[in-house]
Amino acid sequence: MSTDFVVFVSHQTLLTALYILLPLLGSALLVGLMVGLFQAVTSIQEITLTFIPKIAIVGLVMLLLIPWMLDLVMGFNLLIFDQITQLGK
């Protein structure tokens, strides 16, 4: 196993994780900002108010994007298995 292979696998792993997590974290960030703005405007200082909308939106985004996420992970797995077979030759 060469250094190039390890760097390639690490790079692909980080990119795949970033592609999967970015929509989830982005939606949680946007909901958190909107709830924070709502709390600032209405002077409601309830700490637990931010958790329920974040959980609901992240769950909804996850449900909507599961086919895309699974396709991305399957492509990553096929790429890694292909690289492993080429490494063995």
C-alpha atoms as a PDB file:
ATOM      1  CA  MET A   1       0.000   0.000   0.000  1.00  0.00           C
ATOM      2  CA  SER A   2       1.496   3.279  -1.072  1.00  0.00           C
ATOM      3  CA  THR A   3       1.186   6.754   0.347  1.00  0.00           C
ATOM      4  CA  ASP A   4      -0.752   7.849  -2.744  1.00  0.00           C
ATOM      5  CA  PHE A   5      -3.415   5.230  -2.067  1.00  0.00           C
ATOM      6  CA  VAL A   6      -3.813   6.314   1.563  1.00  0.00           C
ATOM      7  CA  VAL A   7      -4.069   9.973   0.541  1.00  0.00           C
ATOM      8  CA  PHE A   8      -6.613   9.099  -2.165  1.00  0.00           C
ATOM      9  CA  VAL A   9      -8.780   7.055   0.200  1.00  0.00           C
ATOM     10  CA  SER A  10      -8.590   9.736   2.903  1.00  0.00           C
ATOM     11  CA  HIS A  11      -9.501  12.461   0.407  1.00  0.00           C
ATOM     12  CA  GLN A  12     -12.465  10.509  -0.962  1.00  0.00           C
ATOM     13  CA  THR A  13     -13.658   9.648   2.547  1.00  0.00           C
ATOM     14  CA  LEU A  14     -13.590  13.261   3.683  1.00  0.00           C
ATOM     15  CA  LEU A  15     -15.332  14.480   0.519  1.00  0.00           C
ATOM     16  CA  THR A  16     -18.058  11.854   0.841  1.00  0.00           C
ATOM     17  CA  ALA A  17     -18.618  12.733   4.503  1.00  0.00           C
ATOM     18  CA  LEU A  18     -18.725  16.430   3.642  1.00  0.00           C
ATOM     19  CA  TYR A  19     -21.256  15.896   0.848  1.00  0.00           C
ATOM     20  CA  ILE A  20     -23.497  13.874   3.154  1.00  0.00           C
ATOM     21  CA  LEU A  21     -23.270  16.140   6.200  1.00  0.00           C
ATOM     22  CA  LEU A  22     -23.381  19.552   4.516  1.00  0.00           C
ATOM     23  CA  PRO A  23     -27.144  19.554   3.745  1.00  0.00           C
ATOM     24  CA  LEU A  24     -27.968  18.328   7.253  1.00  0.00           C
ATOM     25  CA  LEU A  25     -25.732  20.816   9.034  1.00  0.00           C
ATOM     26  CA  GLY A  26     -26.754  23.641   6.694  1.00  0.00           C
ATOM     27  CA  SER A  27     -30.445  23.087   7.334  1.00  0.00           C
ATOM     28  CA  ALA A  28     -29.835  22.932  11.107  1.00  0.00           C
ATOM     29  CA  LEU A  29     -27.864  26.173  10.886  1.00  0.00           C
ATOM     30  CA  LEU A  30     -30.593  27.968   8.934  1.00  0.00           C
ATOM     31  CA  VAL A  31     -33.318  26.800  11.311  1.00  0.00           C
ATOM     32  CA  GLY A  32     -31.203  27.793  14.295  1.00  0.00           C
ATOM     33  CA  LEU A  33     -30.706  31.278  12.849  1.00  0.00           C
ATOM     34  CA  MET A  34     -34.413  31.684  12.134  1.00  0.00           C
ATOM     35  CA  VAL A  35     -35.413  30.510  15.614  1.00  0.00           C
ATOM     36  CA  GLY A  36     -32.765  32.756  17.157  1.00  0.00           C
ATOM     37  CA  LEU A  37     -34.087  35.717  15.182  1.00  0.00           C
ATOM     38  CA  PHE A  38     -37.632  34.856  16.248  1.00  0.00           C
ATOM     39  CA  GLN A  39     -36.519  34.666  19.873  1.00  0.00           C
ATOM     40  CA  ALA A  40     -34.734  37.998  19.628  1.00  0.00           C
ATOM     41  CA  VAL A  41     -37.747  39.719  18.077  1.00  0.00           C
ATOM     42  CA  THR A  42     -40.286  38.289  20.519  1.00  0.00           C
ATOM     43  CA  SER A  43     -37.994  38.317  23.596  1.00  0.00           C
ATOM     44  CA  ILE A  44     -38.752  34.649  24.262  1.00  0.00           C
ATOM     45  CA  GLN A  45     -35.712  33.201  26.001  1.00  0.00           C
ATOM     46  CA  GLU A  46     -36.639  29.517  26.037  1.00  0.00           C
ATOM     47  CA  ILE A  47     -33.511  27.432  25.505  1.00  0.00           C
ATOM     48  CA  THR A  48     -35.333  24.270  24.447  1.00  0.00           C
ATOM     49  CA  LEU A  49     -37.252  26.089  21.704  1.00  0.00           C
ATOM     50  CA  THR A  50     -34.391  25.642  19.242  1.00  0.00           C
ATOM     51  CA  PHE A  51     -34.076  21.856  19.561  1.00  0.00           C
ATOM     52  CA  ILE A  52     -37.497  20.710  18.320  1.00  0.00           C
ATOM     53  CA  PRO A  53     -37.441  22.642  15.006  1.00  0.00           C
ATOM     54  CA  LYS A  54     -33.829  21.608  14.355  1.00  0.00           C
ATOM     55  CA  ILE A  55     -34.580  17.935  14.958  1.00  0.00           C
ATOM     56  CA  ALA A  56     -37.701  18.104  12.790  1.00  0.00           C
ATOM     57  CA  ILE A  57     -35.983  19.851   9.871  1.00  0.00           C
ATOM     58  CA  VAL A  58     -32.873  17.651   9.981  1.00  0.00           C
ATOM     59  CA  GLY A  59     -35.113  14.559  10.054  1.00  0.00           C
ATOM     60  CA  LEU A  60     -37.151  15.853   7.112  1.00  0.00           C
ATOM     61  CA  VAL A  61     -34.047  16.731   5.087  1.00  0.00           C
ATOM     62  CA  MET A  62     -32.606  13.313   5.876  1.00  0.00           C
ATOM     63  CA  LEU A  63     -35.782  11.573   4.731  1.00  0.00           C
ATOM     64  CA  LEU A  64     -35.843  13.569   1.514  1.00  0.00           C
ATOM     65  CA  LEU A  65     -32.149  13.035   0.739  1.00  0.00           C
ATOM     66  CA  ILE A  66     -31.742   9.378   1.759  1.00  0.00           C
ATOM     67  CA  PRO A  67     -31.796   8.093  -1.855  1.00  0.00           C
ATOM     68  CA  TRP A  68     -29.082  10.578  -2.845  1.00  0.00           C
ATOM     69  CA  MET A  69     -27.026   9.815   0.266  1.00  0.00           C
ATOM     70  CA  LEU A  70     -27.241   6.057  -0.306  1.00  0.00           C
ATOM     71  CA  ASP A  71     -26.243   6.525  -3.943  1.00  0.00           C
ATOM     72  CA  LEU A  72     -23.246   8.588  -2.831  1.00  0.00           C
ATOM     73  CA  VAL A  73     -22.161   5.997  -0.264  1.00  0.00           C
ATOM     74  CA  MET A  74     -22.626   3.142  -2.742  1.00  0.00           C
ATOM     75  CA  GLY A  75     -20.509   4.982  -5.308  1.00  0.00           C
ATOM     76  CA  PHE A  76     -17.842   5.553  -2.667  1.00  0.00           C
ATOM     77  CA  ASN A  77     -17.855   1.869  -1.706  1.00  0.00           C
ATOM     78  CA  LEU A  78     -17.598   0.757  -5.330  1.00  0.00           C
ATOM     79  CA  LEU A  79     -14.712   3.166  -5.880  1.00  0.00           C
ATOM     80  CA  ILE A  80     -12.856   1.890  -2.812  1.00  0.00           C
ATOM     81  CA  PHE A  81     -13.418  -1.776  -3.730  1.00  0.00           C
ATOM     82  CA  ASP A  82     -12.237  -1.047  -7.270  1.00  0.00           C
ATOM     83  CA  GLN A  83      -9.109   0.620  -5.911  1.00  0.00           C
ATOM     84  CA  ILE A  84      -8.445  -2.336  -3.595  1.00  0.00           C
ATOM     85  CA  THR A  85      -8.676  -4.813  -6.485  1.00  0.00           C
ATOM     86  CA  GLN A  86      -6.325  -2.681  -8.567  1.00  0.00           C
ATOM     87  CA  LEU A  87      -3.927  -2.486  -5.629  1.00  0.00           C
ATOM     88  CA  GLY A  88      -3.765  -6.272  -5.470  1.00  0.00           C
ATOM     89  CA  LYS A  89      -2.719  -6.642  -9.115  1.00  0.00           C
END
